[in-house]
Amino acid sequence: MDDPYNGSPLMRKVTGTGCGLSATVGAFLGVEENPLIATASAFGFYNIAGETAEKRSTASGSFSVAFSDALAQISDKDLENLKID
């Protein structure tokens, strides 16, 4: 994917990814004082998990499981791939 940003088009096809993003932003807001930094960090984290899941899946069903796994297994090394403008 030549998109200049992170994430996966499959994220739009799986029910609950938007709700999960809201929960992720809430968790980041709980540990970061600056709401802008917390929100941007949460979006980056979530989108890196989406990219990771896309590499491990073949369609939206397997993507959903791979995305849950990626959220739980994301590492500092994975976050080095975060694209920031």
C-alpha atoms as a PDB file:
ATOM      1  CA  MET A   1       0.000   0.000   0.000  1.00  0.00           C
ATOM      2  CA  ASP A   2       1.520   3.339  -1.043  1.00  0.00           C
ATOM      3  CA  ASP A   3      -0.602   5.369   1.349  1.00  0.00           C
ATOM      4  CA  PRO A   4       1.533   7.940   3.198  1.00  0.00           C
ATOM      5  CA  TYR A   5      -0.283   7.111   6.438  1.00  0.00           C
ATOM      6  CA  ASN A   6      -0.626   3.993   8.526  1.00  0.00           C
ATOM      7  CA  GLY A   7      -3.645   1.748   8.825  1.00  0.00           C
ATOM      8  CA  SER A   8      -5.501  -0.671   6.576  1.00  0.00           C
ATOM      9  CA  PRO A   9      -8.532  -0.361   4.286  1.00  0.00           C
ATOM     10  CA  LEU A  10      -9.852  -3.498   5.993  1.00  0.00           C
ATOM     11  CA  MET A  11     -10.376  -1.462   9.175  1.00  0.00           C
ATOM     12  CA  ARG A  12     -13.422   0.116   7.504  1.00  0.00           C
ATOM     13  CA  LYS A  13     -14.936  -3.309   6.840  1.00  0.00           C
ATOM     14  CA  VAL A  14     -14.854  -4.696  10.379  1.00  0.00           C
ATOM     15  CA  THR A  15     -17.612  -3.783  12.819  1.00  0.00           C
ATOM     16  CA  GLY A  16     -16.312  -2.359  16.082  1.00  0.00           C
ATOM     17  CA  THR A  17     -13.035  -0.823  14.965  1.00  0.00           C
ATOM     18  CA  GLY A  18     -14.383   2.691  15.507  1.00  0.00           C
ATOM     19  CA  CYS A  19     -15.655   1.812  18.971  1.00  0.00           C
ATOM     20  CA  GLY A  20     -12.306   0.214  19.760  1.00  0.00           C
ATOM     21  CA  LEU A  21     -10.507   3.342  18.649  1.00  0.00           C
ATOM     22  CA  SER A  22     -12.614   5.404  21.059  1.00  0.00           C
ATOM     23  CA  ALA A  23     -11.665   3.060  23.898  1.00  0.00           C
ATOM     24  CA  THR A  24      -8.000   3.242  22.884  1.00  0.00           C
ATOM     25  CA  VAL A  25      -8.076   7.044  22.884  1.00  0.00           C
ATOM     26  CA  GLY A  26      -9.648   6.921  26.353  1.00  0.00           C
ATOM     27  CA  ALA A  27      -6.871   4.655  27.618  1.00  0.00           C
ATOM     28  CA  PHE A  28      -4.187   6.948  26.210  1.00  0.00           C
ATOM     29  CA  LEU A  29      -5.910   9.974  27.758  1.00  0.00           C
ATOM     30  CA  GLY A  30      -5.633   8.206  31.106  1.00  0.00           C
ATOM     31  CA  VAL A  31      -1.828   8.155  30.957  1.00  0.00           C
ATOM     32  CA  GLU A  32      -0.956  11.302  28.966  1.00  0.00           C
ATOM     33  CA  GLU A  33      -1.669  14.770  30.325  1.00  0.00           C
ATOM     34  CA  ASN A  34      -1.785  16.494  26.924  1.00  0.00           C
ATOM     35  CA  PRO A  35      -5.016  15.443  25.147  1.00  0.00           C
ATOM     36  CA  LEU A  36      -3.642  16.182  21.666  1.00  0.00           C
ATOM     37  CA  ILE A  37      -0.573  14.003  22.199  1.00  0.00           C
ATOM     38  CA  ALA A  38      -2.712  11.261  23.749  1.00  0.00           C
ATOM     39  CA  THR A  39      -5.160  11.242  20.850  1.00  0.00           C
ATOM     40  CA  ALA A  40      -2.494  11.353  18.131  1.00  0.00           C
ATOM     41  CA  SER A  41      -0.556   8.582  19.861  1.00  0.00           C
ATOM     42  CA  ALA A  42      -3.668   6.418  20.154  1.00  0.00           C
ATOM     43  CA  PHE A  43      -4.458   6.849  16.450  1.00  0.00           C
ATOM     44  CA  GLY A  44      -0.874   5.941  15.535  1.00  0.00           C
ATOM     45  CA  PHE A  45      -0.876   2.882  17.788  1.00  0.00           C
ATOM     46  CA  TYR A  46      -4.220   1.724  16.397  1.00  0.00           C
ATOM     47  CA  ASN A  47      -3.195   2.209  12.780  1.00  0.00           C
ATOM     48  CA  ILE A  48       0.084   0.339  13.219  1.00  0.00           C
ATOM     49  CA  ALA A  49      -1.962  -2.555  14.627  1.00  0.00           C
ATOM     50  CA  GLY A  50      -4.158  -2.327  11.511  1.00  0.00           C
ATOM     51  CA  GLU A  51      -1.147  -2.572   9.203  1.00  0.00           C
ATOM     52  CA  THR A  52       0.211  -5.515  11.166  1.00  0.00           C
ATOM     53  CA  ALA A  53      -3.150  -7.291  11.013  1.00  0.00           C
ATOM     54  CA  GLU A  54      -3.459  -6.720   7.276  1.00  0.00           C
ATOM     55  CA  LYS A  55      -0.150  -8.528   6.706  1.00  0.00           C
ATOM     56  CA  ARG A  56      -1.430 -11.536   8.691  1.00  0.00           C
ATOM     57  CA  SER A  57      -4.901 -11.833   7.158  1.00  0.00           C
ATOM     58  CA  THR A  58      -6.592 -12.659   3.866  1.00  0.00           C
ATOM     59  CA  ALA A  59     -10.031 -11.027   4.281  1.00  0.00           C
ATOM     60  CA  SER A  60     -12.146  -9.118   6.788  1.00  0.00           C
ATOM     61  CA  GLY A  61     -12.906 -12.176   8.964  1.00  0.00           C
ATOM     62  CA  SER A  62      -9.285 -13.137   9.505  1.00  0.00           C
ATOM     63  CA  PHE A  63      -8.400  -9.440   9.758  1.00  0.00           C
ATOM     64  CA  SER A  64     -10.698  -9.021  12.762  1.00  0.00           C
ATOM     65  CA  VAL A  65      -8.880 -11.746  14.716  1.00  0.00           C
ATOM     66  CA  ALA A  66      -5.440 -10.608  13.536  1.00  0.00           C
ATOM     67  CA  PHE A  67      -6.275  -7.025  14.557  1.00  0.00           C
ATOM     68  CA  SER A  68      -7.180  -8.075  18.095  1.00  0.00           C
ATOM     69  CA  ASP A  69      -3.930 -10.034  18.278  1.00  0.00           C
ATOM     70  CA  ALA A  70      -1.925  -7.099  16.900  1.00  0.00           C
ATOM     71  CA  LEU A  71      -3.366  -4.721  19.505  1.00  0.00           C
ATOM     72  CA  ALA A  72      -2.243  -7.089  22.255  1.00  0.00           C
ATOM     73  CA  GLN A  73       1.179  -7.813  20.763  1.00  0.00           C
ATOM     74  CA  ILE A  74       2.306  -4.443  19.389  1.00  0.00           C
ATOM     75  CA  SER A  75       5.901  -3.627  20.296  1.00  0.00           C
ATOM     76  CA  ASP A  76       8.180  -0.614  20.363  1.00  0.00           C
ATOM     77  CA  LYS A  77       9.790  -1.975  17.186  1.00  0.00           C
ATOM     78  CA  ASP A  78       6.371  -1.961  15.456  1.00  0.00           C
ATOM     79  CA  LEU A  79       5.850   1.662  16.468  1.00  0.00           C
ATOM     80  CA  GLU A  80       9.081   2.664  14.691  1.00  0.00           C
ATOM     81  CA  ASN A  81       7.051   2.337  11.454  1.00  0.00           C
ATOM     82  CA  LEU A  82       4.694   5.134  12.481  1.00  0.00           C
ATOM     83  CA  LYS A  83       4.425   7.773   9.759  1.00  0.00           C
ATOM     84  CA  ILE A  84       4.046  11.310  11.088  1.00  0.00           C
ATOM     85  CA  ASP A  85       3.554  14.454   9.000  1.00  0.00           C
END
